[in-house]
Protein backbone atom coordinates (compact mmCIF):
# COMPACT_ATOMS: atom_id res chain seq x y z
CA MET A 1 9.24 -22.84 25.82
CA GLU A 2 13.11 -21.56 25.26
CA PRO A 3 14.86 -20.69 28.37
CA THR A 4 15.41 -17.51 28.73
CA ASP A 5 18.50 -17.84 31.52
CA PRO A 6 21.68 -16.26 29.73
CA GLY A 7 24.01 -19.42 29.94
CA THR A 8 21.59 -21.95 28.47
CA PRO A 9 23.45 -22.85 26.08
CA ALA A 10 22.03 -21.64 22.47
CA THR A 11 22.38 -23.18 19.58
CA CYS A 12 24.37 -20.83 16.27
CA TRP A 13 21.73 -19.66 12.85
CA ASN A 14 24.85 -20.68 10.50
CA CYS A 15 26.87 -23.86 11.73
CA LYS A 16 24.62 -25.26 13.72
CA ARG A 17 26.94 -25.36 17.06
CA ALA A 18 26.21 -24.47 20.69
CA ILE A 19 26.84 -21.22 21.63
CA GLU A 20 25.60 -18.70 24.54
CA ARG A 21 22.85 -17.23 23.96
CA GLN A 22 24.20 -13.44 25.19
CA ASP A 23 27.34 -13.94 22.72
CA LYS A 24 26.41 -11.66 19.33
CA TYR A 25 28.79 -13.83 16.76
CA CYS A 26 29.28 -17.70 16.35
CA ARG A 27 33.05 -18.95 18.12
CA HIS A 28 33.34 -21.09 15.59
CA CYS A 29 32.27 -19.65 12.25
CA GLY A 30 32.50 -16.12 13.88
CA LYS A 31 29.02 -15.53 11.55
CA GLY A 32 26.69 -12.15 14.11
CA GLN A 33 23.78 -13.38 16.07
CA GLY A 34 20.20 -12.10 16.96
CA SER A 35 20.77 -8.25 15.22
CA THR A 36 24.26 -8.58 14.14
CA VAL A 37 23.57 -10.20 11.05
CA SER A 38 24.97 -9.01 7.80
CA TRP A 39 22.82 -6.86 6.08
CA TYR A 40 22.26 -8.76 3.05
CA TYR A 41 20.02 -11.80 5.01
CA THR A 42 17.70 -8.70 6.02
CA HIS A 43 14.20 -7.60 3.67
CA PRO A 44 16.60 -3.99 2.66
CA GLY A 45 18.68 -6.01 1.56
CA ILE A 46 17.17 -9.14 -0.10
CA ILE A 47 15.97 -6.85 -2.93
CA VAL A 48 18.85 -4.54 -3.50
CA MET A 49 20.49 -7.75 -4.15
CA THR A 50 18.01 -9.57 -5.72
CA LEU A 51 17.22 -6.73 -8.36
CA PHE A 52 21.07 -5.02 -8.50
CA GLY A 53 23.30 -7.64 -8.14
CA LEU A 54 21.96 -11.38 -7.52
CA GLY A 55 18.58 -12.12 -9.26
CA PRO A 56 18.27 -15.92 -9.62
CA PHE A 57 21.15 -16.29 -6.83
CA SER A 58 19.85 -14.57 -3.56
CA LEU A 59 17.81 -17.13 -2.81
CA GLY A 60 20.93 -18.65 -1.70
CA LEU A 61 20.13 -15.52 0.28
CA VAL A 62 16.95 -15.80 1.44
CA TRP A 63 16.74 -19.47 2.96
CA LYS A 64 20.27 -19.07 4.92
CA SER A 65 18.49 -15.71 6.66
CA PRO A 66 17.93 -16.25 10.06
CA VAL A 67 15.63 -12.77 10.15
CA ILE A 68 13.08 -13.85 7.16
CA SER A 69 10.58 -16.27 8.17
CA ARG A 70 8.84 -19.50 6.66
CA GLU A 71 6.13 -17.39 4.98
CA ALA A 72 7.54 -14.08 3.63
CA LYS A 73 10.79 -16.87 2.01
CA ILE A 74 7.96 -18.72 0.38
CA ALA A 75 6.21 -14.72 -1.19
CA TYR A 76 9.96 -13.93 -2.07
CA THR A 77 10.88 -17.06 -3.81
CA VAL A 78 7.40 -16.91 -5.71
CA LEU A 79 8.41 -12.82 -6.27
CA ILE A 80 12.37 -13.72 -7.14
CA LEU A 81 11.15 -16.29 -9.44
CA GLY A 82 8.47 -14.26 -11.12
CA PHE A 83 10.88 -11.31 -11.79
CA THR A 84 13.87 -13.38 -13.87
CA TRP A 85 10.82 -14.75 -15.63
CA PHE A 86 9.53 -11.34 -16.42
CA VAL A 87 13.41 -10.70 -17.44
CA GLY A 88 14.40 -13.78 -19.26
CA LEU A 89 11.37 -13.45 -21.53
CA SER A 90 11.62 -8.80 -22.15
CA ILE A 91 15.85 -9.87 -22.46
CA TYR A 92 14.49 -13.39 -25.43
CA LYS A 93 12.28 -10.90 -27.23
CA ALA A 94 14.64 -7.86 -27.67
CA TYR A 95 16.84 -10.28 -28.71
CA GLN A 96 14.47 -10.60 -31.00
CA GLY A 97 13.98 -7.72 -32.27
CA ILE A 98 18.01 -6.91 -32.49
CA ASN A 99 18.09 -10.50 -35.03
CA ALA A 100 15.00 -9.76 -36.78
CA LEU A 101 16.31 -5.72 -37.40
CA LEU A 102 19.58 -7.42 -38.14
CA THR A 103 18.81 -9.79 -40.44
CA GLY A 104 16.32 -7.47 -42.40
CA GLY A 105 12.56 -8.73 -41.13
CA LEU A 106 11.19 -5.52 -41.05
CA GLY A 107 7.41 -6.90 -41.78
CA VAL A 108 6.74 -7.99 -38.55
CA TYR A 109 7.46 -4.20 -37.31
CA GLY A 110 5.44 -3.26 -40.22
CA LEU A 111 8.81 -1.10 -41.35
CA GLN A 112 8.73 -1.95 -45.80
């Protein structure tokens, strides 16, 4: 069981160094603790960064997040990898279609 005394030392989720429980920010690395965690470590932040910014590189944010549970991290990993595969496959199909149009291979689309 975790002690509830505010003077009992805790550890920073980022640098793993000892801090006091009531600290809102780590005095060693400056990262927010508890409710002051950056927005991109939250559920909506992960989704926004995956869809509109980082794609598969947002997995680093998922696994470093102190807010998200282990089960949710696994679910996000599977979903992000599936989304990345879908986008990659769509881009490849679009490339094949454009390449076929440019090289005169309209027979693929039934246009001769």
